[in-house]
Amino acid sequence: MKSHRTGPLNVHLFSCLLALALAQFVSATPLHADERRLPPEGDALASATATVKDAFRAELAKEKPQELAAVAKKIFTLADAEQDLSLRYAMLMEARDTAVRAEDVDLTFDILRRLDSQFRIDLASQRVDMLLALAKSAKAPDDHRRLIEQNLATIDELIAAGEFETAERQLRVADISIPKAKEVTLRKQVIDARVQVNTFKRESHLFSIAQSKLLEMPDDLDANLAAGKFLCFFKGDWDRGLVHLLKGRDEALAAAAKSDLAKPGDAAAQATTAALWWDSSEKLSQSQWAGNAVQSRAAHWYAMAAPSLTGLAKSVAEKRIEVVSKNTAIAGMSAGGHRPINLILGASGDRDSITGRWSVENGQIIAPANNWARFGFNYKLEANEFDITIEFTRHNGNEGFGIFVKPDGKPVHFGMGSLGNQYISVGDFKGEQPKNMRLVRVAIGPNGKRQVAKFQIRKGSLTTWLNGKQVLHYKTDWSELGPQDWGFKDASIGLLSWYNSITFHRVELQVINSK
């Protein structure tokens, strides 16, 4: 500390350093939303900001990016142990801004995530502000590439929340980095993301009009059709949307919705429901999202029926499931992965269980409560950059699950809730766990809560997201990844579970770059 000012920050400095180890142990675990503190405002914020700037005045005057990054890390680290909440908030904000000046993309967003975990900030707004500031200052193509990926990673989340203006602003920021990233694939992803945002924004507006009309005329055929299409095809909310399609003007969609709502239990009725959806998809010209969504719904019912079908009916079901898988794979590669491949389609508990008795029921995978239970998908991964999104519910136990992948044929394992639900991890499979694992102290949520994990594999990095927040980012050139397959044999994508009963509601692959 260069300053001679006597104030709260300097008085606490020695105790901050002593408390640091404990604070680091605790601080990475986000508070529940209702436990986060309100940021200081007015005089309290102004005073705390002035204290922090004065305490680090000499260090903040540095200009070299490497030196500024060291200063940002120092302030970030000391903030963990600061008990005065106004000072802690001011220190995190100063660390964030200094990381931007240092052009350090990863550090900036590490600090932003820490702010969001402890204070009730407007994360979406701050994220765009940081992306813009970094896009203007970053020089290295790799930094601009990561900025574009940061932009794209949250587009689906913003669309789901109806925050279209923020999504549009993020994509405008991405435009700044496109020519500097020198990456044609990313340019295409940004273009496709913009089409997606514009399409969903338009459909959301039409849905609002339909909702207003339904308040006055609940049985209006056109309004019900518009509401049903939006909810089912664009939001994926089939439970709410099917009722509207049933009451809508389109007779084919109404018939499919009626059959779907009956929740058929036998294979023949399930195949009939699937066929109704499939026939409807061939008549849809509304958009590629609508057609893909309807065919995916058909494949959902075909996948449920296929194990019990025989002869021609079984052949038709399997071929149509294959068509959906191929179409979504092609869409995933051409549109930056915005239309994922449903890996559960065609999965079989009998065929794909490696250890433990896994089951595939009602379009979901259910893990047994075995130690190191393994499940290998019957899917050949031919991509070196991709995302895997998993929606899951842990019903009991206090352990987590893992995802196994082989980008470029090199096995890697992500742990979600590892070592007694204490860590998010990535392991390099050289047989020396946990030495060769990178750990971040974050737990998955309570039993019974439906959650979403995302695993992002890129050239030079591995990243994990939990419930919309990045929780781990590990840089690698892949040279340290070992040859062990840990019992997954020929599988290139697999699931693991440790002593838990877990339902995997969704396992989706988004191809970014094929080999």
Protein backbone atom coordinates (compact mmCIF):
# COMPACT_ATOMS: atom_id res chain seq x y z
CA MET A 1 0.00 0.00 0.00
CA LYS A 2 1.60 3.21 -1.20
CA SER A 3 -0.65 5.79 0.44
CA HIS A 4 -0.09 7.29 3.91
CA ARG A 5 -3.76 8.10 4.37
CA THR A 6 -5.22 6.85 7.64
CA GLY A 7 -8.75 5.61 7.08
CA PRO A 8 -10.93 2.54 7.22
CA LEU A 9 -9.12 0.73 4.41
CA ASN A 10 -5.64 1.10 5.91
CA VAL A 11 -6.85 0.31 9.41
CA HIS A 12 -8.32 -2.96 8.13
CA LEU A 13 -5.46 -3.91 5.83
CA PHE A 14 -3.48 -6.05 8.24
CA SER A 15 -6.56 -7.92 9.42
CA CYS A 16 -7.66 -8.31 5.80
CA LEU A 17 -4.45 -10.09 4.96
CA LEU A 18 -4.76 -12.36 7.99
CA ALA A 19 -8.35 -13.22 7.11
CA LEU A 20 -7.69 -13.72 3.43
CA ALA A 21 -7.32 -17.50 3.36
CA LEU A 22 -10.66 -18.03 5.10
CA ALA A 23 -12.35 -15.41 2.94
CA GLN A 24 -11.14 -17.00 -0.29
CA PHE A 25 -12.46 -20.35 0.95
CA VAL A 26 -15.94 -18.93 1.46
CA SER A 27 -16.30 -16.14 -1.06
CA ALA A 28 -16.45 -18.21 -4.24
CA THR A 29 -19.74 -19.75 -3.15
CA PRO A 30 -22.48 -17.39 -4.36
CA LEU A 31 -25.05 -16.16 -1.88
CA HIS A 32 -28.66 -17.01 -2.57
CA ALA A 33 -30.38 -14.17 -4.41
CA ASP A 34 -32.29 -13.03 -1.33
CA GLU A 35 -29.07 -12.87 0.71
CA ARG A 36 -27.19 -10.54 -1.62
CA ARG A 37 -26.66 -7.03 -0.33
CA LEU A 38 -27.85 -3.83 -1.91
CA PRO A 39 -24.92 -1.82 -3.33
CA PRO A 40 -24.03 1.35 -1.40
CA GLU A 41 -25.32 4.60 -2.84
CA GLY A 42 -24.88 8.33 -2.47
CA ASP A 43 -22.44 9.60 0.16
CA ALA A 44 -21.58 6.09 1.38
CA LEU A 45 -20.48 5.00 -2.10
CA ALA A 46 -18.67 8.27 -2.82
CA SER A 47 -16.75 8.10 0.44
CA ALA A 48 -15.80 4.43 -0.02
CA THR A 49 -14.72 5.02 -3.62
CA ALA A 50 -12.54 7.97 -2.59
CA THR A 51 -10.95 5.89 0.17
CA VAL A 52 -10.10 3.06 -2.20
CA LYS A 53 -8.72 5.34 -4.91
CA ASP A 54 -6.57 7.19 -2.35
CA ALA A 55 -5.26 3.98 -0.78
CA PHE A 56 -4.16 2.58 -4.15
CA ARG A 57 -3.33 5.93 -5.79
CA ALA A 58 0.26 5.12 -6.77
CA GLU A 59 -0.57 1.66 -8.07
CA LEU A 60 -3.59 2.86 -10.04
CA ALA A 61 -1.35 5.38 -11.79
CA LYS A 62 0.50 2.58 -13.57
CA GLU A 63 -0.05 2.29 -17.31
CA LYS A 64 1.36 -1.06 -18.49
CA PRO A 65 -1.36 -3.72 -18.89
CA GLN A 66 0.65 -6.36 -17.03
CA GLU A 67 1.17 -4.04 -14.05
CA LEU A 68 -2.48 -2.96 -14.04
CA ALA A 69 -3.59 -6.60 -14.10
CA ALA A 70 -1.47 -7.25 -11.01
CA VAL A 71 -3.06 -4.25 -9.27
CA ALA A 72 -6.56 -5.42 -10.20
CA LYS A 73 -5.85 -8.89 -8.83
CA LYS A 74 -4.47 -7.40 -5.60
CA ILE A 75 -7.53 -5.24 -4.98
CA PHE A 76 -9.84 -8.10 -5.98
CA THR A 77 -8.13 -10.43 -3.52
CA LEU A 78 -8.13 -7.94 -0.64
CA ALA A 79 -11.82 -7.22 -1.20
CA ASP A 80 -12.65 -10.78 -0.13
CA ALA A 81 -11.57 -10.08 3.43
CA GLU A 82 -13.00 -6.56 3.75
CA GLN A 83 -15.80 -6.51 6.33
CA ASP A 84 -17.08 -3.02 5.55
CA LEU A 85 -19.59 -3.66 2.76
CA SER A 86 -19.29 -0.20 1.22
CA LEU A 87 -15.52 -0.57 1.01
CA ARG A 88 -15.81 -4.11 -0.35
CA TYR A 89 -18.16 -2.97 -3.09
CA ALA A 90 -15.94 -0.01 -3.96
CA MET A 91 -12.86 -2.27 -4.06
CA LEU A 92 -14.57 -4.74 -6.39
CA MET A 93 -15.70 -1.94 -8.69
CA GLU A 94 -12.20 -0.46 -8.75
CA ALA A 95 -10.71 -3.90 -9.42
CA ARG A 96 -13.20 -4.40 -12.25
CA ASP A 97 -12.38 -1.08 -13.90
CA THR A 98 -8.65 -1.66 -13.49
CA ALA A 99 -8.96 -5.09 -15.12
CA VAL A 100 -10.63 -3.37 -18.09
CA ARG A 101 -7.73 -0.93 -18.32
CA ALA A 102 -5.40 -3.95 -18.25
CA GLU A 103 -7.38 -5.44 -21.17
CA ASP A 104 -7.76 -8.65 -19.15
CA VAL A 105 -11.01 -10.23 -20.36
CA ASP A 106 -11.06 -13.20 -18.00
CA LEU A 107 -10.20 -11.19 -14.88
CA THR A 108 -12.83 -8.56 -15.69
CA PHE A 109 -15.60 -11.14 -15.80
CA ASP A 110 -14.26 -13.01 -12.77
CA ILE A 111 -14.66 -9.78 -10.80
CA LEU A 112 -18.07 -9.06 -12.32
CA ARG A 113 -19.31 -12.50 -11.29
CA ARG A 114 -18.04 -11.89 -7.75
CA LEU A 115 -19.92 -8.58 -7.65
CA ASP A 116 -23.10 -10.29 -8.81
CA SER A 117 -22.71 -13.08 -6.24
CA GLN A 118 -22.52 -10.63 -3.33
CA PHE A 119 -24.47 -7.54 -4.41
CA ARG A 120 -27.76 -6.96 -6.22
CA ILE A 121 -26.32 -5.38 -9.35
CA ASP A 122 -27.81 -5.07 -12.83
CA LEU A 123 -25.63 -7.85 -14.22
CA ALA A 124 -26.85 -7.64 -17.82
CA SER A 125 -26.21 -3.89 -18.03
CA GLN A 126 -22.79 -4.09 -16.39
CA ARG A 127 -21.83 -7.01 -18.62
CA VAL A 128 -22.58 -4.99 -21.76
CA ASP A 129 -20.69 -1.98 -20.38
CA MET A 130 -17.63 -4.15 -19.69
CA LEU A 131 -17.84 -5.84 -23.09
CA LEU A 132 -17.96 -2.44 -24.79
CA ALA A 133 -15.05 -1.04 -22.79
CA LEU A 134 -12.92 -4.12 -23.48
CA ALA A 135 -13.83 -4.20 -27.16
CA LYS A 136 -12.56 -0.64 -27.50
CA SER A 137 -9.30 -1.28 -25.66
CA ALA A 138 -8.36 -4.91 -26.47
CA LYS A 139 -5.68 -5.41 -29.11
CA ALA A 140 -4.94 -9.15 -29.38
CA PRO A 141 -7.14 -11.20 -31.76
CA ASP A 142 -7.53 -13.87 -29.08
CA ASP A 143 -8.95 -11.28 -26.65
CA HIS A 144 -11.49 -10.16 -29.25
CA ARG A 145 -12.41 -13.76 -29.92
CA ARG A 146 -13.14 -14.33 -26.22
CA LEU A 147 -15.17 -11.12 -26.12
CA ILE A 148 -17.36 -12.34 -28.98
CA GLU A 149 -17.79 -15.68 -27.21
CA GLN A 150 -18.77 -13.83 -23.99
CA ASN A 151 -21.36 -11.95 -26.03
CA LEU A 152 -22.78 -15.05 -27.69
CA ALA A 153 -22.79 -17.15 -24.51
CA THR A 154 -25.61 -15.13 -22.93
CA ILE A 155 -27.77 -14.40 -25.99
CA ASP A 156 -30.09 -17.37 -25.41
CA GLU A 157 -30.42 -16.37 -21.74
CA LEU A 158 -31.36 -12.79 -22.71
CA ILE A 159 -33.87 -14.02 -25.30
CA ALA A 160 -35.47 -16.33 -22.75
CA ALA A 161 -35.81 -13.39 -20.36
CA GLY A 162 -37.29 -11.16 -23.10
CA GLU A 163 -34.36 -8.72 -22.82
CA PHE A 164 -34.12 -8.16 -26.57
CA GLU A 165 -32.71 -4.63 -26.39
CA THR A 166 -29.83 -5.83 -24.20
CA ALA A 167 -29.19 -8.72 -26.60
CA GLU A 168 -29.15 -6.29 -29.54
CA ARG A 169 -26.74 -4.03 -27.69
CA GLN A 170 -24.44 -6.98 -26.94
CA LEU A 171 -24.37 -7.96 -30.60
CA ARG A 172 -23.53 -4.39 -31.61
CA VAL A 173 -20.60 -4.62 -29.21
CA ALA A 174 -19.60 -7.94 -30.82
CA ASP A 175 -19.51 -6.13 -34.19
CA ILE A 176 -16.57 -4.07 -32.89
CA SER A 177 -14.52 -7.19 -32.24
CA ILE A 178 -15.41 -9.14 -35.40
CA PRO A 179 -12.82 -7.58 -37.75
CA LYS A 180 -10.16 -7.75 -35.03
CA ALA A 181 -10.82 -11.37 -34.06
CA LYS A 182 -10.00 -12.60 -37.58
CA GLU A 183 -12.40 -15.53 -37.17
CA VAL A 184 -14.89 -16.20 -39.97
CA THR A 185 -16.87 -18.72 -37.91
CA LEU A 186 -17.53 -16.17 -35.15
CA ARG A 187 -18.70 -13.62 -37.71
CA LYS A 188 -21.27 -16.14 -38.96
CA GLN A 189 -22.37 -16.90 -35.39
CA VAL A 190 -22.98 -13.19 -34.69
CA ILE A 191 -25.00 -12.83 -37.90
CA ASP A 192 -27.13 -15.85 -37.02
CA ALA A 193 -27.56 -14.68 -33.43
CA ARG A 194 -28.87 -11.35 -34.73
CA VAL A 195 -31.40 -13.17 -36.93
CA GLN A 196 -32.43 -15.22 -33.89
CA VAL A 197 -32.88 -12.13 -31.69
CA ASN A 198 -34.90 -10.30 -34.36
CA THR A 199 -37.10 -13.35 -34.99
CA PHE A 200 -37.84 -13.96 -31.32
CA LYS A 201 -38.43 -10.25 -30.71
CA ARG A 202 -41.01 -10.16 -33.52
CA GLU A 203 -42.72 -13.33 -32.35
CA SER A 204 -42.76 -12.07 -28.76
CA HIS A 205 -44.52 -8.90 -29.93
CA LEU A 206 -47.13 -10.94 -31.82
CA PHE A 207 -47.61 -13.08 -28.72
CA SER A 208 -48.30 -9.96 -26.63
CA ILE A 209 -50.97 -8.90 -29.12
CA ALA A 210 -52.52 -12.36 -28.99
CA GLN A 211 -52.52 -12.34 -25.19
CA SER A 212 -54.38 -9.04 -25.12
CA LYS A 213 -56.98 -10.36 -27.52
CA LEU A 214 -57.43 -13.57 -25.53
CA LEU A 215 -58.29 -11.56 -22.42
CA GLU A 216 -61.35 -10.28 -24.27
CA MET A 217 -62.04 -13.30 -26.51
CA PRO A 218 -60.60 -16.50 -24.93
CA ASP A 219 -61.81 -18.69 -27.80
CA ASP A 220 -60.48 -16.57 -30.66
CA LEU A 221 -59.02 -19.03 -33.19
CA ASP A 222 -56.25 -16.81 -34.55
CA ALA A 223 -55.12 -15.52 -31.16
CA ASN A 224 -54.98 -19.04 -29.74
CA LEU A 225 -52.97 -20.22 -32.75
CA ALA A 226 -50.48 -17.33 -32.42
CA ALA A 227 -50.11 -17.90 -28.67
CA GLY A 228 -49.69 -21.64 -29.10
CA LYS A 229 -47.05 -21.29 -31.81
CA PHE A 230 -45.00 -18.85 -29.76
CA LEU A 231 -45.15 -20.84 -26.54
CA CYS A 232 -44.42 -24.21 -28.16
CA PHE A 233 -42.13 -23.38 -31.06
CA PHE A 234 -40.19 -20.42 -29.69
CA LYS A 235 -40.32 -20.72 -25.90
CA GLY A 236 -40.38 -24.51 -25.70
CA ASP A 237 -43.25 -24.23 -23.18
CA TRP A 238 -45.32 -27.09 -24.55
CA ASP A 239 -47.34 -27.49 -21.35
CA ARG A 240 -48.88 -24.03 -21.77
CA GLY A 241 -48.80 -23.86 -25.55
CA LEU A 242 -50.56 -27.12 -26.39
CA VAL A 243 -53.84 -25.90 -24.90
CA HIS A 244 -53.77 -22.87 -27.22
CA LEU A 245 -52.89 -24.96 -30.30
CA LEU A 246 -55.85 -27.20 -29.47
CA LYS A 247 -58.13 -24.14 -29.63
CA GLY A 248 -56.40 -22.62 -32.67
CA ARG A 249 -57.42 -22.33 -36.32
CA ASP A 250 -54.86 -24.82 -37.69
CA GLU A 251 -56.67 -28.19 -37.70
CA ALA A 252 -53.51 -30.28 -38.15
CA LEU A 253 -51.75 -28.64 -35.21
CA ALA A 254 -54.93 -28.91 -33.13
CA ALA A 255 -55.12 -32.66 -33.81
CA ALA A 256 -51.46 -33.13 -32.86
CA ALA A 257 -51.94 -31.07 -29.71
CA LYS A 258 -55.00 -33.12 -28.71
CA SER A 259 -53.09 -36.37 -29.11
CA ASP A 260 -50.10 -34.95 -27.20
CA LEU A 261 -52.25 -33.69 -24.33
CA ALA A 262 -53.69 -37.20 -23.93
CA LYS A 263 -50.17 -38.30 -22.85
CA PRO A 264 -50.30 -41.65 -24.68
CA GLY A 265 -48.69 -44.50 -22.79
CA ASP A 266 -48.51 -47.31 -25.33
CA ALA A 267 -46.07 -47.37 -28.24
CA ALA A 268 -48.69 -47.37 -31.00
CA ALA A 269 -50.41 -44.25 -29.64
CA GLN A 270 -47.05 -42.56 -29.08
CA ALA A 271 -46.07 -43.25 -32.70
CA THR A 272 -49.43 -41.85 -33.86
CA THR A 273 -48.81 -38.65 -31.88
CA ALA A 274 -45.33 -38.41 -33.39
CA ALA A 275 -46.70 -38.86 -36.90
CA LEU A 276 -49.27 -36.08 -36.38
CA TRP A 277 -46.52 -33.68 -35.39
CA TRP A 278 -44.30 -34.82 -38.26
CA ASP A 279 -47.03 -34.27 -40.84
CA SER A 280 -47.72 -30.82 -39.37
CA SER A 281 -44.06 -29.84 -39.61
CA GLU A 282 -44.05 -30.37 -43.37
CA LYS A 283 -46.76 -27.72 -43.77
CA LEU A 284 -45.11 -25.07 -41.62
CA SER A 285 -43.38 -22.21 -43.40
CA GLN A 286 -43.40 -19.74 -40.51
CA SER A 287 -39.69 -20.06 -39.78
CA GLN A 288 -36.89 -22.57 -39.38
CA TRP A 289 -37.40 -22.47 -35.60
CA ALA A 290 -41.04 -23.52 -35.94
CA GLY A 291 -40.26 -26.40 -38.30
CA ASN A 292 -37.34 -27.62 -36.20
CA ALA A 293 -39.37 -27.41 -33.00
CA VAL A 294 -42.28 -29.44 -34.40
CA GLN A 295 -40.00 -32.13 -35.82
CA SER A 296 -38.15 -32.30 -32.51
CA ARG A 297 -41.47 -32.80 -30.74
CA ALA A 298 -42.25 -35.60 -33.17
CA ALA A 299 -38.83 -37.14 -32.50
CA HIS A 300 -39.52 -36.91 -28.76
CA TRP A 301 -42.56 -39.18 -29.14
CA TYR A 302 -40.83 -41.45 -31.67
CA ALA A 303 -37.93 -41.94 -29.22
CA MET A 304 -40.39 -42.98 -26.51
CA ALA A 305 -42.19 -45.41 -28.83
CA ALA A 306 -39.24 -46.89 -30.75
CA PRO A 307 -38.06 -49.49 -28.20
CA SER A 308 -41.47 -51.20 -28.29
CA LEU A 309 -42.18 -50.86 -32.02
CA THR A 310 -41.48 -53.53 -34.63
CA GLY A 311 -41.24 -53.81 -38.39
CA LEU A 312 -42.05 -50.83 -40.58
CA ALA A 313 -43.28 -48.67 -37.68
CA LYS A 314 -39.96 -49.09 -35.90
CA SER A 315 -38.02 -48.33 -39.10
CA VAL A 316 -40.02 -45.13 -39.72
CA ALA A 317 -39.47 -43.96 -36.13
CA GLU A 318 -35.72 -44.59 -36.23
CA LYS A 319 -35.29 -42.91 -39.62
CA ARG A 320 -37.18 -39.80 -38.54
CA ILE A 321 -35.19 -39.58 -35.31
CA GLU A 322 -32.05 -39.77 -37.45
CA VAL A 323 -33.34 -37.01 -39.74
CA VAL A 324 -33.92 -34.71 -36.75
CA SER A 325 -30.46 -35.46 -35.38
CA LYS A 326 -28.81 -34.73 -38.75
CA ASN A 327 -30.85 -31.57 -39.35
CA THR A 328 -30.04 -30.14 -35.95
CA ALA A 329 -26.37 -31.07 -36.41
CA ILE A 330 -26.26 -29.21 -39.73
CA ALA A 331 -28.15 -26.26 -38.22
CA GLY A 332 -25.78 -26.26 -35.27
CA MET A 333 -22.72 -26.00 -37.52
CA SER A 334 -24.21 -23.42 -39.88
CA ALA A 335 -25.78 -21.21 -37.24
CA GLY A 336 -23.17 -21.22 -34.54
CA GLY A 337 -24.87 -23.91 -32.49
CA HIS A 338 -28.07 -21.99 -31.76
CA ARG A 339 -30.19 -25.06 -32.60
CA PRO A 340 -28.74 -27.91 -30.55
CA ILE A 341 -28.65 -31.63 -31.12
CA ASN A 342 -30.80 -33.52 -28.64
CA LEU A 343 -28.52 -36.33 -27.47
CA ILE A 344 -31.32 -38.05 -25.54
CA LEU A 345 -33.15 -38.86 -28.78
CA GLY A 346 -32.41 -42.48 -29.57
CA ALA A 347 -30.51 -43.08 -26.31
CA SER A 348 -31.05 -46.50 -24.77
CA GLY A 349 -30.63 -47.48 -21.13
CA ASP A 350 -29.87 -51.10 -22.03
CA ARG A 351 -27.41 -50.32 -24.82
CA ASP A 352 -25.70 -47.19 -23.49
CA SER A 353 -25.29 -48.04 -19.77
CA ILE A 354 -21.62 -48.76 -19.10
CA THR A 355 -21.75 -49.17 -15.31
CA GLY A 356 -24.97 -49.10 -13.29
CA ARG A 357 -28.50 -49.52 -14.63
CA TRP A 358 -29.44 -46.25 -16.34
CA SER A 359 -32.89 -45.81 -17.84
CA VAL A 360 -34.33 -43.61 -20.58
CA GLU A 361 -37.96 -42.75 -19.89
CA ASN A 362 -40.29 -40.06 -21.25
CA GLY A 363 -37.45 -38.34 -23.10
CA GLN A 364 -35.25 -38.16 -19.96
CA ILE A 365 -32.22 -40.06 -18.67
CA ILE A 366 -32.34 -41.34 -15.09
CA ALA A 367 -29.04 -42.12 -13.38
CA PRO A 368 -28.70 -44.94 -10.82
CA ALA A 369 -27.38 -44.22 -7.34
CA ASN A 370 -24.11 -46.02 -8.00
CA ASN A 371 -20.54 -44.82 -7.49
CA TRP A 372 -19.03 -43.82 -10.83
CA ALA A 373 -22.09 -44.87 -12.81
CA ARG A 374 -21.29 -44.26 -16.48
CA PHE A 375 -23.49 -43.72 -19.53
CA GLY A 376 -22.06 -43.39 -23.05
CA PHE A 377 -24.12 -41.78 -25.83
CA ASN A 378 -24.37 -43.58 -29.15
CA TYR A 379 -23.10 -40.50 -30.95
CA LYS A 380 -19.81 -39.94 -32.76
CA LEU A 381 -18.43 -36.50 -31.89
CA GLU A 382 -16.78 -34.94 -34.93
CA ALA A 383 -16.14 -31.45 -33.62
CA ASN A 384 -13.31 -29.74 -31.78
CA GLU A 385 -15.33 -26.72 -30.60
CA PHE A 386 -18.76 -27.22 -29.10
CA ASP A 387 -21.10 -26.60 -26.16
CA ILE A 388 -22.99 -29.19 -24.12
CA THR A 389 -26.01 -27.98 -22.13
CA ILE A 390 -27.47 -30.21 -19.42
CA GLU A 391 -30.71 -29.57 -17.56
CA PHE A 392 -30.89 -31.77 -14.48
CA THR A 393 -32.54 -32.41 -11.12
CA ARG A 394 -30.71 -34.17 -8.29
CA HIS A 395 -33.30 -35.94 -6.16
CA ASN A 396 -31.12 -37.16 -3.29
CA GLY A 397 -27.51 -37.46 -2.19
CA ASN A 398 -24.81 -34.85 -1.72
CA GLU A 399 -22.56 -35.59 -4.66
CA GLY A 400 -22.74 -34.31 -8.21
CA PHE A 401 -22.36 -35.58 -11.75
CA GLY A 402 -19.82 -35.41 -14.52
CA ILE A 403 -19.70 -35.00 -18.27
CA PHE A 404 -17.08 -36.84 -20.32
CA VAL A 405 -16.05 -35.62 -23.79
CA LYS A 406 -13.29 -36.29 -26.32
CA PRO A 407 -12.52 -33.14 -28.32
CA ASP A 408 -9.91 -34.11 -30.91
CA GLY A 409 -9.89 -37.57 -29.34
CA LYS A 410 -8.41 -36.31 -26.05
CA PRO A 411 -10.57 -37.21 -23.04
CA VAL A 412 -11.56 -34.56 -20.52
CA HIS A 413 -13.95 -34.69 -17.59
CA PHE A 414 -16.02 -31.87 -16.07
CA GLY A 415 -17.26 -32.39 -12.53
CA MET A 416 -20.37 -30.56 -11.35
CA GLY A 417 -20.66 -30.67 -7.55
CA SER A 418 -17.48 -32.73 -7.06
CA LEU A 419 -16.06 -33.99 -3.77
CA GLY A 420 -19.21 -33.81 -1.67
CA ASN A 421 -20.92 -31.04 -3.68
CA GLN A 422 -18.12 -28.60 -3.00
CA TYR A 423 -16.47 -27.95 -6.35
CA ILE A 424 -16.86 -27.35 -10.05
CA SER A 425 -13.89 -29.10 -11.64
CA VAL A 426 -12.15 -30.02 -14.85
CA GLY A 427 -9.84 -33.05 -14.91
CA ASP A 428 -7.21 -33.93 -17.46
CA PHE A 429 -7.36 -37.72 -16.99
CA LYS A 430 -3.74 -38.54 -16.31
CA GLY A 431 -4.79 -40.70 -13.42
CA GLU A 432 -3.65 -38.37 -10.64
CA GLN A 433 -6.90 -36.89 -9.41
CA PRO A 434 -7.41 -34.50 -7.76
CA LYS A 435 -3.86 -33.27 -8.46
CA ASN A 436 -4.62 -32.93 -12.15
CA MET A 437 -7.98 -31.28 -11.59
CA ARG A 438 -8.71 -27.56 -11.67
CA LEU A 439 -11.15 -26.77 -8.88
CA VAL A 440 -13.45 -23.83 -8.16
CA ARG A 441 -15.40 -23.82 -4.92
CA VAL A 442 -19.00 -23.70 -6.15
CA ALA A 443 -21.80 -26.08 -5.13
CA ILE A 444 -24.82 -27.08 -7.19
CA GLY A 445 -28.18 -26.16 -5.71
CA PRO A 446 -30.41 -28.12 -3.33
CA ASN A 447 -32.02 -31.46 -4.10
CA GLY A 448 -35.25 -31.19 -6.05
CA LYS A 449 -34.25 -27.98 -7.84
CA ARG A 450 -34.14 -28.06 -11.64
CA GLN A 451 -30.87 -26.52 -12.84
CA VAL A 452 -28.90 -25.92 -16.03
CA ALA A 453 -25.17 -26.53 -16.57
CA LYS A 454 -23.27 -25.60 -19.70
CA PHE A 455 -19.85 -26.92 -20.72
CA GLN A 456 -18.00 -24.96 -23.38
CA ILE A 457 -15.05 -26.45 -25.25
CA ARG A 458 -12.92 -24.15 -27.39
CA LYS A 459 -9.46 -24.08 -28.89
CA GLY A 460 -7.32 -23.11 -25.93
CA SER A 461 -9.95 -23.14 -23.18
CA LEU A 462 -12.57 -25.07 -21.21
CA THR A 463 -15.41 -23.17 -19.52
CA THR A 464 -18.27 -24.17 -17.23
CA TRP A 465 -21.52 -22.26 -16.61
CA LEU A 466 -24.09 -23.00 -13.89
CA ASN A 467 -27.58 -21.47 -14.05
CA GLY A 468 -26.46 -18.76 -16.45
CA LYS A 469 -23.26 -17.77 -14.61
CA GLN A 470 -19.72 -18.65 -15.64
CA VAL A 471 -18.09 -20.52 -12.75
CA LEU A 472 -14.89 -21.94 -14.25
CA HIS A 473 -12.56 -20.93 -17.08
CA TYR A 474 -9.44 -22.99 -17.69
CA LYS A 475 -6.88 -22.18 -20.38
CA THR A 476 -5.20 -25.19 -22.00
CA ASP A 477 -3.28 -26.08 -25.13
CA TRP A 478 -4.50 -29.68 -24.64
CA SER A 479 -0.96 -30.97 -24.27
CA GLU A 480 -1.53 -32.02 -20.63
CA LEU A 481 -4.60 -34.10 -21.40
CA GLY A 482 -3.90 -37.78 -20.89
CA PRO A 483 -4.92 -40.87 -22.87
CA GLN A 484 -7.18 -42.57 -20.30
CA ASP A 485 -10.81 -43.12 -21.21
CA TRP A 486 -11.88 -44.00 -17.65
CA GLY A 487 -14.10 -46.82 -18.78
CA PHE A 488 -16.00 -44.95 -21.48
CA LYS A 489 -14.55 -47.22 -24.18
CA ASP A 490 -15.51 -45.89 -27.62
CA ALA A 491 -17.97 -43.26 -26.39
CA SER A 492 -17.02 -39.67 -27.23
CA ILE A 493 -19.69 -38.11 -24.97
CA GLY A 494 -20.80 -39.58 -21.66
CA LEU A 495 -22.41 -38.89 -18.28
CA LEU A 496 -21.22 -39.87 -14.80
CA SER A 497 -23.05 -39.94 -11.48
CA TRP A 498 -21.78 -40.54 -7.94
CA TYR A 499 -24.17 -42.05 -5.37
CA ASN A 500 -27.05 -39.80 -6.50
CA SER A 501 -30.44 -40.23 -8.05
CA ILE A 502 -30.37 -37.67 -10.88
CA THR A 503 -32.74 -37.03 -13.76
CA PHE A 504 -31.23 -35.46 -16.87
CA HIS A 505 -34.10 -33.63 -18.56
CA ARG A 506 -32.02 -32.25 -21.40
CA VAL A 507 -28.61 -33.07 -22.87
CA GLU A 508 -27.91 -30.92 -25.91
CA LEU A 509 -24.86 -30.55 -28.13
CA GLN A 510 -24.18 -27.33 -29.99
CA VAL A 511 -21.50 -27.73 -32.65
CA ILE A 512 -19.37 -24.63 -33.18
CA ASN A 513 -16.57 -25.98 -35.38
CA SER A 514 -16.41 -29.42 -36.96
CA LYS A 515 -13.08 -31.12 -37.52
